[in-house]
Amino acid sequence: MNIIKHTVEKVEDITGILSGERYEFFIHVEVDEEDELYTEHGLYIKAIVAVDENTTRMMHYDIYEKTSDKYIDLALEEEEEQLLQEYCQQHIK
């Protein structure tokens, strides 16, 4: 998996229930044709990242096809999740 680009926005908790800060990432990726995630239309991952005091963790992610915004019901491999987690940590505003 190769990360191409991303956008990130801070998510405001208007209820005040959640501790820390939340960020929503839209991460555009490309994968090899042999990968089960591959689609000719490309992929993006929507990830929610939580930041509490000294901890940053990915709370949730979903994978979508770029052109149709169709949800892809597959999970990333452990190494790919780790790559995504590290990428998000590096790009928190």
N, C-alpha and C. Protein backbone atom coordinates (compact mmCIF):
# COMPACT_ATOMS: atom_id res chain seq x y z
N MET A 1 0.85 -1.18 0.00
CA MET A 1 0.00 0.00 0.00
C MET A 1 0.89 1.23 0.00
N ASN A 2 0.56 2.17 -0.87
CA ASN A 2 1.31 3.41 -0.98
C ASN A 2 0.36 4.58 -0.76
N ILE A 3 0.70 5.44 0.20
CA ILE A 3 -0.13 6.61 0.48
C ILE A 3 0.23 7.71 -0.51
N ILE A 4 -0.79 8.24 -1.19
CA ILE A 4 -0.58 9.26 -2.21
C ILE A 4 -0.75 10.66 -1.64
N LYS A 5 -1.88 10.91 -0.97
CA LYS A 5 -2.16 12.23 -0.39
C LYS A 5 -3.25 12.07 0.65
N HIS A 6 -3.51 13.15 1.36
CA HIS A 6 -4.55 13.12 2.38
C HIS A 6 -5.13 14.50 2.62
N THR A 7 -6.28 14.51 3.26
CA THR A 7 -6.84 15.73 3.84
C THR A 7 -7.20 15.36 5.28
N VAL A 8 -7.18 16.36 6.15
CA VAL A 8 -7.51 16.11 7.55
C VAL A 8 -8.27 17.30 8.10
N GLU A 9 -9.26 17.01 8.92
CA GLU A 9 -10.04 18.05 9.58
C GLU A 9 -10.23 17.68 11.04
N LYS A 10 -10.19 18.67 11.89
CA LYS A 10 -10.48 18.44 13.30
C LYS A 10 -12.00 18.31 13.43
N VAL A 11 -12.46 17.31 14.18
CA VAL A 11 -13.88 17.07 14.39
C VAL A 11 -14.24 17.68 15.74
N GLU A 12 -15.20 18.58 15.72
CA GLU A 12 -15.64 19.23 16.95
C GLU A 12 -16.68 18.36 17.67
N ASP A 13 -16.49 18.17 18.97
CA ASP A 13 -17.45 17.43 19.79
C ASP A 13 -18.38 18.44 20.44
N ILE A 14 -19.52 18.67 19.81
CA ILE A 14 -20.44 19.69 20.32
C ILE A 14 -21.13 19.24 21.61
N THR A 15 -21.08 17.93 21.90
CA THR A 15 -21.71 17.43 23.12
C THR A 15 -20.80 17.56 24.33
N GLY A 16 -19.50 17.60 24.09
CA GLY A 16 -18.55 17.66 25.20
C GLY A 16 -18.37 16.33 25.91
N ILE A 17 -18.87 15.27 25.33
CA ILE A 17 -18.79 13.94 25.95
C ILE A 17 -17.40 13.31 25.79
N LEU A 18 -16.81 13.48 24.63
CA LEU A 18 -15.53 12.85 24.33
C LEU A 18 -14.37 13.62 24.94
N SER A 19 -13.40 12.89 25.46
CA SER A 19 -12.20 13.56 25.96
C SER A 19 -11.17 13.63 24.82
N GLY A 20 -10.31 14.60 24.88
CA GLY A 20 -9.29 14.75 23.86
C GLY A 20 -9.85 15.35 22.57
N GLU A 21 -9.09 15.17 21.50
CA GLU A 21 -9.46 15.71 20.20
C GLU A 21 -9.64 14.57 19.20
N ARG A 22 -10.47 14.80 18.20
CA ARG A 22 -10.70 13.83 17.14
C ARG A 22 -10.40 14.47 15.80
N TYR A 23 -9.81 13.68 14.91
CA TYR A 23 -9.48 14.14 13.57
C TYR A 23 -10.02 13.13 12.56
N GLU A 24 -10.52 13.65 11.44
CA GLU A 24 -11.00 12.81 10.36
C GLU A 24 -10.05 12.94 9.18
N PHE A 25 -9.47 11.82 8.79
CA PHE A 25 -8.54 11.77 7.67
C PHE A 25 -9.21 11.12 6.47
N PHE A 26 -8.94 11.66 5.29
CA PHE A 26 -9.28 11.03 4.03
C PHE A 26 -7.94 10.78 3.35
N ILE A 27 -7.55 9.52 3.29
CA ILE A 27 -6.22 9.14 2.81
C ILE A 27 -6.35 8.38 1.50
N HIS A 28 -5.79 8.93 0.44
CA HIS A 28 -5.82 8.30 -0.88
C HIS A 28 -4.62 7.36 -0.98
N VAL A 29 -4.90 6.11 -1.37
CA VAL A 29 -3.86 5.09 -1.43
C VAL A 29 -3.90 4.38 -2.77
N GLU A 30 -2.78 3.75 -3.09
CA GLU A 30 -2.75 2.84 -4.24
C GLU A 30 -2.20 1.51 -3.76
N VAL A 31 -2.73 0.44 -4.33
CA VAL A 31 -2.30 -0.91 -3.97
C VAL A 31 -1.95 -1.67 -5.24
N ASP A 32 -1.15 -2.72 -5.09
CA ASP A 32 -0.76 -3.56 -6.22
C ASP A 32 -1.98 -4.26 -6.80
N GLU A 33 -1.93 -4.57 -8.07
CA GLU A 33 -3.04 -5.25 -8.74
C GLU A 33 -3.34 -6.61 -8.13
N GLU A 34 -2.34 -7.25 -7.53
CA GLU A 34 -2.54 -8.56 -6.91
C GLU A 34 -3.20 -8.47 -5.54
N ASP A 35 -3.26 -7.28 -4.96
CA ASP A 35 -3.85 -7.09 -3.63
C ASP A 35 -5.37 -7.23 -3.71
N GLU A 36 -5.97 -7.90 -2.72
CA GLU A 36 -7.43 -8.09 -2.74
C GLU A 36 -8.18 -6.76 -2.65
N LEU A 37 -7.53 -5.69 -2.19
CA LEU A 37 -8.16 -4.37 -2.11
C LEU A 37 -8.19 -3.65 -3.46
N TYR A 38 -7.42 -4.15 -4.41
CA TYR A 38 -7.26 -3.44 -5.69
C TYR A 38 -8.58 -3.21 -6.40
N THR A 39 -8.73 -2.00 -6.90
CA THR A 39 -9.81 -1.65 -7.81
C THR A 39 -9.23 -0.67 -8.82
N GLU A 40 -9.62 -0.79 -10.06
CA GLU A 40 -9.06 0.08 -11.10
C GLU A 40 -9.44 1.55 -10.88
N HIS A 41 -10.46 1.80 -10.09
CA HIS A 41 -10.90 3.17 -9.84
C HIS A 41 -10.16 3.84 -8.69
N GLY A 42 -9.33 3.11 -7.98
CA GLY A 42 -8.57 3.67 -6.87
C GLY A 42 -9.33 3.59 -5.55
N LEU A 43 -8.60 3.87 -4.48
CA LEU A 43 -9.14 3.74 -3.13
C LEU A 43 -8.83 4.96 -2.28
N TYR A 44 -9.68 5.17 -1.30
CA TYR A 44 -9.34 6.08 -0.22
C TYR A 44 -9.82 5.48 1.09
N ILE A 45 -9.19 5.89 2.16
CA ILE A 45 -9.51 5.40 3.49
C ILE A 45 -9.95 6.58 4.33
N LYS A 46 -11.09 6.42 4.98
CA LYS A 46 -11.58 7.43 5.92
C LYS A 46 -11.25 6.91 7.31
N ALA A 47 -10.43 7.67 8.05
CA ALA A 47 -9.99 7.22 9.38
C ALA A 47 -10.30 8.28 10.42
N ILE A 48 -10.73 7.82 11.59
CA ILE A 48 -10.96 8.70 12.74
C ILE A 48 -9.82 8.45 13.72
N VAL A 49 -9.13 9.52 14.09
CA VAL A 49 -7.98 9.43 14.98
C VAL A 49 -8.27 10.24 16.24
N ALA A 50 -7.97 9.63 17.39
CA ALA A 50 -8.17 10.29 18.68
C ALA A 50 -6.83 10.68 19.28
N VAL A 51 -6.79 11.88 19.85
CA VAL A 51 -5.59 12.37 20.52
C VAL A 51 -5.98 12.72 21.96
N ASP A 52 -5.43 12.00 22.93
CA ASP A 52 -5.65 12.23 24.35
C ASP A 52 -4.29 12.41 25.01
N GLU A 53 -4.06 13.54 25.63
CA GLU A 53 -2.81 13.85 26.32
C GLU A 53 -1.61 13.36 25.54
N ASN A 54 -1.03 12.20 25.88
CA ASN A 54 0.18 11.71 25.21
C ASN A 54 -0.10 10.55 24.26
N THR A 55 -1.35 10.24 23.99
CA THR A 55 -1.70 9.09 23.18
C THR A 55 -2.43 9.51 21.91
N THR A 56 -1.99 8.95 20.80
CA THR A 56 -2.67 9.14 19.52
C THR A 56 -2.99 7.75 18.99
N ARG A 57 -4.26 7.51 18.69
CA ARG A 57 -4.63 6.19 18.17
C ARG A 57 -5.73 6.30 17.13
N MET A 58 -5.69 5.36 16.21
CA MET A 58 -6.71 5.31 15.18
C MET A 58 -7.90 4.58 15.78
N MET A 59 -9.04 5.25 15.83
CA MET A 59 -10.24 4.68 16.43
C MET A 59 -10.99 3.78 15.45
N HIS A 60 -11.03 4.20 14.20
CA HIS A 60 -11.83 3.48 13.22
C HIS A 60 -11.38 3.89 11.82
N TYR A 61 -11.53 2.98 10.87
CA TYR A 61 -11.31 3.34 9.47
C TYR A 61 -12.26 2.56 8.58
N ASP A 62 -12.56 3.12 7.43
CA ASP A 62 -13.36 2.48 6.39
C ASP A 62 -12.66 2.69 5.07
N ILE A 63 -12.81 1.72 4.17
CA ILE A 63 -12.17 1.78 2.86
C ILE A 63 -13.26 2.00 1.81
N TYR A 64 -12.98 2.91 0.86
CA TYR A 64 -13.95 3.25 -0.19
C TYR A 64 -13.28 3.28 -1.56
N GLU A 65 -14.08 2.96 -2.58
CA GLU A 65 -13.64 3.14 -3.95
C GLU A 65 -13.76 4.63 -4.30
N LYS A 66 -12.76 5.18 -4.95
CA LYS A 66 -12.73 6.62 -5.22
C LYS A 66 -13.89 7.13 -6.06
N THR A 67 -14.09 6.56 -7.21
CA THR A 67 -15.04 7.15 -8.16
C THR A 67 -16.50 7.00 -7.75
N SER A 68 -16.82 5.91 -7.05
CA SER A 68 -18.22 5.66 -6.68
C SER A 68 -18.52 5.91 -5.21
N ASP A 69 -17.48 6.13 -4.40
CA ASP A 69 -17.61 6.23 -2.95
C ASP A 69 -18.24 4.98 -2.35
N LYS A 70 -18.10 3.86 -3.05
CA LYS A 70 -18.66 2.58 -2.59
C LYS A 70 -17.80 2.03 -1.46
N TYR A 71 -18.46 1.65 -0.35
CA TYR A 71 -17.78 1.06 0.79
C TYR A 71 -17.24 -0.31 0.42
N ILE A 72 -16.01 -0.58 0.81
CA ILE A 72 -15.39 -1.89 0.56
C ILE A 72 -15.26 -2.59 1.91
N ASP A 73 -15.94 -3.71 2.04
CA ASP A 73 -16.00 -4.42 3.31
C ASP A 73 -14.81 -5.37 3.48
N LEU A 74 -13.63 -4.80 3.59
CA LEU A 74 -12.40 -5.54 3.83
C LEU A 74 -11.58 -4.80 4.87
N ALA A 75 -10.69 -5.51 5.52
CA ALA A 75 -9.82 -4.89 6.52
C ALA A 75 -8.40 -4.83 5.99
N LEU A 76 -7.66 -3.88 6.49
CA LEU A 76 -6.24 -3.78 6.16
C LEU A 76 -5.47 -4.86 6.91
N GLU A 77 -4.33 -5.23 6.37
CA GLU A 77 -3.44 -6.14 7.09
C GLU A 77 -2.81 -5.37 8.24
N GLU A 78 -2.28 -6.10 9.20
CA GLU A 78 -1.72 -5.48 10.41
C GLU A 78 -0.63 -4.46 10.07
N GLU A 79 0.24 -4.79 9.11
CA GLU A 79 1.32 -3.85 8.73
C GLU A 79 0.73 -2.58 8.10
N GLU A 80 -0.33 -2.75 7.32
CA GLU A 80 -0.97 -1.61 6.68
C GLU A 80 -1.66 -0.71 7.71
N GLU A 81 -2.29 -1.33 8.71
CA GLU A 81 -2.89 -0.54 9.79
C GLU A 81 -1.83 0.25 10.54
N GLN A 82 -0.69 -0.38 10.79
CA GLN A 82 0.42 0.29 11.48
C GLN A 82 0.94 1.46 10.65
N LEU A 83 1.09 1.26 9.35
CA LEU A 83 1.53 2.32 8.45
C LEU A 83 0.55 3.49 8.49
N LEU A 84 -0.74 3.18 8.44
CA LEU A 84 -1.78 4.21 8.48
C LEU A 84 -1.75 4.97 9.81
N GLN A 85 -1.61 4.24 10.91
CA GLN A 85 -1.53 4.84 12.25
C GLN A 85 -0.35 5.82 12.32
N GLU A 86 0.83 5.37 11.89
CA GLU A 86 2.03 6.23 11.93
C GLU A 86 1.86 7.45 11.03
N TYR A 87 1.29 7.24 9.86
CA TYR A 87 1.07 8.35 8.92
C TYR A 87 0.17 9.41 9.56
N CYS A 88 -0.92 8.97 10.15
CA CYS A 88 -1.85 9.90 10.79
C CYS A 88 -1.17 10.66 11.94
N GLN A 89 -0.41 9.96 12.75
CA GLN A 89 0.30 10.60 13.86
C GLN A 89 1.21 11.72 13.35
N GLN A 90 1.86 11.50 12.25
CA GLN A 90 2.80 12.48 11.69
C GLN A 90 2.08 13.69 11.11
N HIS A 91 0.80 13.54 10.76
CA HIS A 91 0.09 14.62 10.06
C HIS A 91 -1.04 15.25 10.84
N ILE A 92 -1.04 15.08 12.16
CA ILE A 92 -2.02 15.77 12.99
C ILE A 92 -1.64 17.24 13.04
N LYS A 93 -2.62 18.10 12.85
CA LYS A 93 -2.37 19.56 12.85
C LYS A 93 -2.06 20.06 14.25
